[in-house]
Amino acid sequence: MLEFSSQDCVFMQRALDLAAKGQYTTTPNPSVGCVLVKNGEIVGEGFHFKAGQPHAERVALAQAGENSKGATAYVTLEPCSHYGRTPPCALGLIEAGVVKVIAAMQDPNPQVAGKGLKMLSDAGIESAVNLLNDQAEKINKGFLKRMRQGMPFVQLKLAMSLDGRTAMASGESKWITGPDARSDVQKMRAKSSALLSTSTTVIADDPSLNVRWDEFPENLKTEYKKEDLRQPVRVILDSQHRIQPTHKLF
């Protein structure tokens, strides 16, 4: 079993930082980062930006070019082994001449699930898994829940005043959260596939329930364009058919 060094941790952390950049754009794919290292230096790196576009390993290999040969790949999720909209990343690493692959975690997707690591091993490439596994798990909570249990990862957004109120005594809604909290909500929405609310909320507040670019964190606006961000599907529980086409949702 391969023992991990402090340098391994440094390079995997860089891969994790890259993977995090895809959290707002990759669904339904997982967010993945990859770093290629040769002679102790990073020669290529990349992350998966959007489904249908090159995976992290392919981006890193393209950047490294000939330097990929003899390099070690640090990837936050086991390289895929199947053909989808893009060819297998495990095959790409093999063809590029990478000699070692370290993955933060195994991919629970039944189409992969150890097959990528086996493909590498069969090609004579040294591989290891479970470096900074906990951090890798946090980046893809929704994807992992769906793959392992066939269920969505659900987050609850709840705001109330210090005295436990969520609205005025009259039922009128007022801002409770401050600018920082509203900015955090936009990040949550941008990472989500769907937003769930009720007709009562829609009638009382007439919300848009979308990702609001004007409240999206300023530091992230330098990383993404407005059109890069996905708008989650809006799901409203309305058994009485009370909402109308005039609401902002429409």
Protein backbone atom coordinates (compact mmCIF):
# COMPACT_ATOMS: atom_id res chain seq x y z
CA MET A 1 0.00 0.00 0.00
CA LEU A 2 1.34 3.42 -0.98
CA GLU A 3 2.11 5.71 1.95
CA PHE A 4 1.24 9.36 1.47
CA SER A 5 3.79 12.11 2.08
CA SER A 6 3.28 15.71 3.11
CA GLN A 7 3.93 16.67 -0.52
CA ASP A 8 1.17 14.32 -1.63
CA CYS A 9 -1.19 16.18 0.70
CA VAL A 10 -0.12 19.56 -0.69
CA PHE A 11 -0.77 18.53 -4.28
CA MET A 12 -4.07 16.84 -3.45
CA GLN A 13 -5.20 19.96 -1.60
CA ARG A 14 -4.50 21.95 -4.75
CA ALA A 15 -6.62 19.46 -6.71
CA LEU A 16 -9.42 19.85 -4.17
CA ASP A 17 -9.25 23.65 -4.46
CA LEU A 18 -9.62 23.29 -8.22
CA ALA A 19 -12.51 20.84 -7.86
CA ALA A 20 -14.41 23.34 -5.72
CA LYS A 21 -14.48 25.74 -8.68
CA GLY A 22 -16.91 23.42 -10.47
CA GLN A 23 -19.51 23.22 -7.71
CA TYR A 24 -21.75 25.81 -9.35
CA THR A 25 -21.62 24.47 -12.90
CA THR A 26 -21.01 20.71 -13.21
CA THR A 27 -24.35 19.11 -12.30
CA PRO A 28 -25.31 16.35 -12.92
CA ASN A 29 -21.62 15.49 -13.01
CA PRO A 30 -19.41 15.60 -9.90
CA SER A 31 -16.93 18.41 -9.31
CA VAL A 32 -13.41 17.09 -9.92
CA GLY A 33 -9.93 18.60 -9.88
CA CYS A 34 -6.66 17.16 -11.14
CA VAL A 35 -3.00 18.12 -10.72
CA LEU A 36 -0.10 16.56 -12.66
CA VAL A 37 3.27 16.63 -10.93
CA LYS A 38 6.70 15.80 -12.35
CA ASN A 39 9.99 16.14 -10.50
CA GLY A 40 8.18 17.85 -7.64
CA GLU A 41 6.66 20.55 -9.86
CA ILE A 42 3.11 21.02 -11.14
CA VAL A 43 3.19 20.63 -14.92
CA GLY A 44 -0.55 20.64 -15.55
CA GLU A 45 -3.79 21.15 -13.69
CA GLY A 46 -7.48 21.56 -14.35
CA PHE A 47 -11.03 21.02 -13.20
CA HIS A 48 -14.28 19.85 -14.75
CA PHE A 49 -16.37 22.92 -15.55
CA LYS A 50 -19.57 21.63 -17.13
CA ALA A 51 -21.16 18.36 -18.27
CA GLY A 52 -20.13 17.56 -21.83
CA GLN A 53 -16.89 19.52 -21.52
CA PRO A 54 -13.48 17.88 -20.84
CA HIS A 55 -13.04 16.22 -17.46
CA ALA A 56 -10.41 17.47 -15.02
CA GLU A 57 -7.83 14.86 -16.03
CA ARG A 58 -8.16 15.74 -19.72
CA VAL A 59 -7.77 19.46 -18.99
CA ALA A 60 -4.63 18.82 -16.93
CA LEU A 61 -3.16 16.49 -19.56
CA ALA A 62 -3.73 19.06 -22.30
CA GLN A 63 -1.96 21.71 -20.24
CA ALA A 64 0.98 19.44 -19.41
CA GLY A 65 1.47 18.15 -22.94
CA GLU A 66 4.62 16.03 -23.24
CA ASN A 67 5.35 16.61 -19.56
CA SER A 68 2.50 14.22 -18.76
CA LYS A 69 4.83 11.31 -19.49
CA GLY A 70 6.32 10.09 -16.22
CA ALA A 71 4.10 12.36 -14.12
CA THR A 72 1.99 11.61 -11.06
CA ALA A 73 -1.69 12.53 -11.22
CA TYR A 74 -3.53 13.74 -8.13
CA VAL A 75 -7.27 13.57 -8.76
CA THR A 76 -10.11 14.21 -6.34
CA LEU A 77 -12.28 11.37 -7.65
CA GLU A 78 -11.38 8.03 -9.20
CA PRO A 79 -10.84 8.51 -12.95
CA CYS A 80 -13.81 7.33 -15.00
CA SER A 81 -13.53 4.14 -17.03
CA HIS A 82 -16.56 4.38 -19.32
CA TYR A 83 -17.50 6.22 -22.49
CA GLY A 84 -20.10 8.93 -22.06
CA ARG A 85 -20.10 12.35 -23.65
CA THR A 86 -16.33 12.22 -23.17
CA PRO A 87 -13.88 9.27 -23.37
CA PRO A 88 -12.57 7.52 -20.22
CA CYS A 89 -10.13 9.59 -18.19
CA ALA A 90 -8.34 6.45 -16.99
CA LEU A 91 -7.54 5.65 -20.62
CA GLY A 92 -6.31 9.20 -21.19
CA LEU A 93 -3.91 8.93 -18.26
CA ILE A 94 -2.62 5.60 -19.57
CA GLU A 95 -2.09 6.90 -23.10
CA ALA A 96 -0.30 10.00 -21.79
CA GLY A 97 2.28 7.91 -19.94
CA VAL A 98 1.36 8.90 -16.39
CA VAL A 99 3.17 6.53 -13.99
CA LYS A 100 1.22 7.02 -10.77
CA VAL A 101 -2.33 8.07 -9.89
CA ILE A 102 -3.49 9.11 -6.43
CA ALA A 103 -7.24 9.57 -5.99
CA ALA A 104 -8.86 11.24 -3.01
CA MET A 105 -11.73 8.76 -3.11
CA GLN A 106 -13.33 5.99 -5.13
CA ASP A 107 -16.22 6.93 -7.40
CA PRO A 108 -19.48 5.28 -6.18
CA ASN A 109 -21.07 5.66 -9.60
CA PRO A 110 -21.89 2.04 -10.62
CA GLN A 111 -20.38 2.76 -14.04
CA VAL A 112 -17.02 3.35 -12.34
CA ALA A 113 -16.87 1.95 -8.77
CA GLY A 114 -13.28 0.73 -8.84
CA LYS A 115 -13.15 0.01 -12.58
CA GLY A 116 -11.06 3.12 -13.24
CA LEU A 117 -8.45 2.12 -10.67
CA LYS A 118 -8.42 -1.43 -12.06
CA MET A 119 -7.89 -0.14 -15.58
CA LEU A 120 -4.88 1.83 -14.35
CA SER A 121 -3.51 -1.13 -12.41
CA ASP A 122 -3.93 -3.46 -15.38
CA ALA A 123 -1.87 -1.00 -17.43
CA GLY A 124 0.95 -1.15 -14.87
CA ILE A 125 0.24 2.24 -13.33
CA GLU A 126 0.73 2.52 -9.58
CA SER A 127 -2.43 3.82 -7.93
CA ALA A 128 -3.68 4.67 -4.47
CA VAL A 129 -6.91 6.01 -3.01
CA ASN A 130 -8.26 7.77 0.11
CA LEU A 131 -5.96 10.78 0.41
CA LEU A 132 -7.88 13.71 2.00
CA ASN A 133 -11.04 11.66 1.53
CA ASP A 134 -13.14 13.72 3.96
CA GLN A 135 -12.51 16.95 2.07
CA ALA A 136 -13.33 15.27 -1.23
CA GLU A 137 -16.63 13.97 0.17
CA LYS A 138 -17.74 17.48 1.16
CA ILE A 139 -17.32 18.86 -2.35
CA ASN A 140 -19.73 16.35 -3.91
CA LYS A 141 -22.31 15.76 -1.18
CA GLY A 142 -25.25 15.80 -3.58
CA PHE A 143 -23.65 13.55 -6.20
CA LEU A 144 -22.49 11.03 -3.59
CA LYS A 145 -25.90 10.85 -1.89
CA ARG A 146 -27.55 10.23 -5.24
CA MET A 147 -25.06 7.55 -6.28
CA ARG A 148 -25.02 5.71 -2.96
CA GLN A 149 -28.65 5.92 -1.90
CA GLY A 150 -30.61 7.08 -4.92
CA MET A 151 -31.81 10.09 -2.92
CA PRO A 152 -31.21 13.84 -3.11
CA PHE A 153 -29.10 15.70 -0.59
CA VAL A 154 -31.51 18.14 1.08
CA GLN A 155 -30.57 21.42 2.76
CA LEU A 156 -33.00 23.54 4.77
CA LYS A 157 -32.82 27.31 4.63
CA LEU A 158 -34.50 28.85 7.68
CA ALA A 159 -34.28 32.44 8.89
CA MET A 160 -35.66 33.87 12.11
CA SER A 161 -35.09 36.77 14.45
CA LEU A 162 -33.34 36.44 17.81
CA ASP A 163 -36.72 36.13 19.52
CA GLY A 164 -37.75 33.26 17.25
CA ARG A 165 -39.96 35.19 14.80
CA THR A 166 -40.13 34.53 11.07
CA ALA A 167 -42.60 37.31 10.16
CA MET A 168 -44.45 40.31 11.59
CA ALA A 169 -47.47 39.72 13.84
CA SER A 170 -49.66 40.67 10.88
CA GLY A 171 -48.04 37.93 8.80
CA GLU A 172 -46.23 40.50 6.68
CA SER A 173 -42.76 39.36 5.66
CA LYS A 174 -39.67 41.51 6.28
CA TRP A 175 -35.96 40.97 5.68
CA ILE A 176 -34.52 39.02 8.59
CA THR A 177 -31.23 37.98 7.04
CA GLY A 178 -28.39 40.42 6.40
CA PRO A 179 -26.34 40.86 3.21
CA ASP A 180 -23.82 38.15 4.11
CA ALA A 181 -26.54 35.58 4.81
CA ARG A 182 -28.36 36.46 1.57
CA SER A 183 -25.09 36.02 -0.30
CA ASP A 184 -24.67 32.58 1.27
CA VAL A 185 -28.19 31.69 0.16
CA GLN A 186 -27.28 32.51 -3.44
CA LYS A 187 -24.33 30.12 -3.21
CA MET A 188 -26.61 27.41 -1.84
CA ARG A 189 -29.09 27.97 -4.66
CA ALA A 190 -26.37 27.92 -7.32
CA LYS A 191 -25.18 24.53 -6.04
CA SER A 192 -28.70 23.09 -6.00
CA SER A 193 -30.63 21.27 -8.71
CA ALA A 194 -34.03 22.28 -7.32
CA LEU A 195 -35.64 24.65 -4.80
CA LEU A 196 -38.69 23.46 -2.87
CA SER A 197 -41.23 25.82 -1.36
CA THR A 198 -44.98 26.11 -0.79
CA SER A 199 -47.84 28.06 -2.32
CA THR A 200 -48.27 29.85 1.02
CA THR A 201 -44.77 31.31 0.70
CA VAL A 202 -45.30 32.21 -2.94
CA ILE A 203 -48.57 34.03 -2.19
CA ALA A 204 -47.19 35.85 0.85
CA ASP A 205 -43.76 36.84 -0.49
CA ASP A 206 -44.02 36.46 -4.28
CA PRO A 207 -40.37 35.31 -4.49
CA SER A 208 -38.48 34.59 -7.69
CA LEU A 209 -36.64 31.65 -6.09
CA ASN A 210 -33.70 32.02 -8.44
CA VAL A 211 -29.98 32.70 -8.19
CA ARG A 212 -29.70 36.47 -7.93
CA TRP A 213 -26.52 37.67 -9.59
CA ASP A 214 -26.59 41.02 -7.76
CA GLU A 215 -26.34 39.17 -4.43
CA PHE A 216 -23.86 36.54 -5.60
CA PRO A 217 -20.51 36.91 -3.76
CA GLU A 218 -18.25 39.49 -5.41
CA ASN A 219 -15.18 37.24 -5.19
CA LEU A 220 -16.99 34.54 -7.19
CA LYS A 221 -18.09 36.96 -9.89
CA THR A 222 -14.46 37.03 -11.05
CA GLU A 223 -14.56 33.23 -11.50
CA TYR A 224 -17.87 32.89 -13.34
CA LYS A 225 -20.05 34.68 -15.82
CA LYS A 226 -23.71 35.18 -15.01
CA GLU A 227 -24.71 32.77 -17.76
CA ASP A 228 -22.42 30.07 -16.32
CA LEU A 229 -24.58 29.68 -13.23
CA ARG A 230 -27.45 27.23 -13.42
CA GLN A 231 -30.90 28.25 -12.26
CA PRO A 232 -32.40 25.46 -10.12
CA VAL A 233 -35.77 23.95 -10.96
CA ARG A 234 -38.46 25.54 -8.77
CA VAL A 235 -40.80 23.05 -7.12
CA ILE A 236 -43.89 24.43 -5.37
CA LEU A 237 -46.22 22.37 -3.18
CA ASP A 238 -49.69 23.64 -4.11
CA SER A 239 -52.46 21.09 -3.59
CA GLN A 240 -55.15 23.80 -3.85
CA HIS A 241 -53.88 25.30 -7.12
CA ARG A 242 -53.57 28.74 -5.54
CA ILE A 243 -50.58 30.21 -7.34
CA GLN A 244 -51.18 32.24 -10.48
CA PRO A 245 -49.28 32.96 -13.71
CA THR A 246 -48.85 36.53 -12.47
CA HIS A 247 -46.44 35.44 -9.72
CA LYS A 248 -42.75 36.18 -10.26
CA LEU A 249 -42.03 32.46 -10.53
CA PHE A 250 -43.43 32.61 -14.03
